[in-house]
N, C-alpha and C. Protein backbone atom coordinates (compact mmCIF):
# COMPACT_ATOMS: atom_id res chain seq x y z
N MET A 1 30.64 0.75 -2.95
CA MET A 1 29.49 1.47 -3.45
C MET A 1 29.63 1.65 -4.95
N GLU A 2 28.56 1.43 -5.66
CA GLU A 2 28.54 1.64 -7.11
C GLU A 2 27.39 2.59 -7.43
N LEU A 3 27.71 3.62 -8.20
CA LEU A 3 26.71 4.62 -8.58
C LEU A 3 26.51 4.57 -10.08
N ASP A 4 25.30 4.24 -10.50
CA ASP A 4 24.95 4.17 -11.92
C ASP A 4 23.95 5.30 -12.17
N MET A 5 24.46 6.48 -12.50
CA MET A 5 23.61 7.65 -12.66
C MET A 5 22.78 7.58 -13.94
N GLU A 6 23.26 6.86 -14.91
CA GLU A 6 22.52 6.72 -16.16
C GLU A 6 21.21 5.96 -15.95
N ASN A 7 21.26 4.91 -15.12
CA ASN A 7 20.08 4.08 -14.88
C ASN A 7 19.40 4.37 -13.54
N GLY A 8 19.97 5.27 -12.74
CA GLY A 8 19.37 5.64 -11.47
C GLY A 8 19.44 4.57 -10.41
N LYS A 9 20.62 3.95 -10.26
CA LYS A 9 20.79 2.88 -9.27
C LYS A 9 22.03 3.12 -8.43
N ILE A 10 21.90 2.86 -7.14
CA ILE A 10 23.03 2.91 -6.21
C ILE A 10 23.11 1.54 -5.56
N THR A 11 24.28 0.92 -5.60
CA THR A 11 24.46 -0.39 -4.99
C THR A 11 25.51 -0.28 -3.90
N VAL A 12 25.13 -0.71 -2.70
CA VAL A 12 26.04 -0.74 -1.55
C VAL A 12 25.99 -2.15 -0.99
N GLY A 13 27.08 -2.86 -1.15
CA GLY A 13 27.10 -4.25 -0.71
C GLY A 13 26.05 -5.04 -1.47
N ASP A 14 25.12 -5.64 -0.73
CA ASP A 14 24.07 -6.44 -1.39
C ASP A 14 22.75 -5.68 -1.50
N LYS A 15 22.77 -4.39 -1.18
CA LYS A 15 21.55 -3.59 -1.26
C LYS A 15 21.60 -2.66 -2.47
N THR A 16 20.45 -2.52 -3.14
CA THR A 16 20.34 -1.64 -4.30
C THR A 16 19.23 -0.63 -4.04
N PHE A 17 19.55 0.63 -4.31
CA PHE A 17 18.60 1.72 -4.13
C PHE A 17 18.38 2.39 -5.48
N THR A 18 17.25 3.01 -5.63
CA THR A 18 16.98 3.76 -6.85
C THR A 18 17.06 5.25 -6.57
N CYS A 19 17.46 5.99 -7.58
CA CYS A 19 17.52 7.44 -7.49
C CYS A 19 17.14 8.00 -8.86
N THR A 20 17.03 9.29 -8.93
CA THR A 20 16.67 9.92 -10.19
C THR A 20 17.85 9.78 -11.16
N SER A 21 17.57 9.29 -12.34
CA SER A 21 18.63 9.17 -13.34
C SER A 21 18.88 10.54 -13.98
N LEU A 22 20.09 10.71 -14.48
CA LEU A 22 20.43 11.97 -15.12
C LEU A 22 19.91 12.01 -16.54
N PRO A 23 19.43 13.16 -16.98
CA PRO A 23 19.05 13.30 -18.38
C PRO A 23 20.28 13.11 -19.27
N GLU A 24 20.05 12.71 -20.49
CA GLU A 24 21.15 12.40 -21.42
C GLU A 24 22.11 13.57 -21.60
N ASN A 25 21.59 14.80 -21.68
CA ASN A 25 22.47 15.95 -21.90
C ASN A 25 23.39 16.19 -20.69
N LEU A 26 22.91 15.98 -19.47
CA LEU A 26 23.77 16.14 -18.30
C LEU A 26 24.80 15.02 -18.20
N GLN A 27 24.40 13.81 -18.56
CA GLN A 27 25.34 12.69 -18.56
C GLN A 27 26.47 12.95 -19.55
N LYS A 28 26.15 13.54 -20.70
CA LYS A 28 27.16 13.85 -21.70
C LYS A 28 28.18 14.85 -21.16
N ILE A 29 27.70 15.86 -20.42
CA ILE A 29 28.60 16.84 -19.81
C ILE A 29 29.56 16.16 -18.84
N LEU A 30 29.05 15.27 -18.00
CA LEU A 30 29.91 14.54 -17.06
C LEU A 30 30.90 13.65 -17.79
N ASP A 31 30.46 12.98 -18.84
CA ASP A 31 31.34 12.11 -19.61
C ASP A 31 32.48 12.88 -20.27
N GLN A 32 32.26 14.15 -20.54
CA GLN A 32 33.29 14.98 -21.18
C GLN A 32 34.21 15.65 -20.15
N GLY A 33 34.00 15.37 -18.88
CA GLY A 33 34.90 15.89 -17.85
C GLY A 33 34.36 17.08 -17.08
N GLY A 34 33.09 17.40 -17.23
CA GLY A 34 32.48 18.51 -16.50
C GLY A 34 32.06 19.62 -17.43
N LEU A 35 31.46 20.66 -16.85
CA LEU A 35 30.89 21.73 -17.65
C LEU A 35 31.94 22.50 -18.45
N ILE A 36 33.03 22.89 -17.79
CA ILE A 36 34.05 23.68 -18.48
C ILE A 36 34.68 22.88 -19.62
N ALA A 37 35.01 21.63 -19.36
CA ALA A 37 35.59 20.79 -20.41
C ALA A 37 34.61 20.61 -21.55
N SER A 38 33.33 20.47 -21.23
CA SER A 38 32.30 20.30 -22.26
C SER A 38 32.20 21.56 -23.12
N LEU A 39 32.22 22.72 -22.48
CA LEU A 39 32.14 23.97 -23.22
C LEU A 39 33.38 24.20 -24.09
N ASP A 40 34.55 23.79 -23.58
CA ASP A 40 35.79 23.93 -24.36
C ASP A 40 35.75 23.06 -25.62
N LYS A 41 35.09 21.93 -25.56
CA LYS A 41 35.01 21.02 -26.71
C LYS A 41 34.05 21.50 -27.77
N GLU A 42 33.18 22.46 -27.44
CA GLU A 42 32.21 22.98 -28.42
C GLU A 42 32.84 23.95 -29.41
N ASP A 43 34.02 24.45 -29.14
CA ASP A 43 34.68 25.42 -30.03
C ASP A 43 34.99 24.87 -31.39
């Protein structure tokens, strides 16, 4: 299974499904390791 939250795609085997993509600000929080890690980096 591959989850592409930025583009809103889920791939399982040879099937691809669409889902709601994450807004840029939420993707940034995930890329920084989660909400707490993101808040710690703002200091």
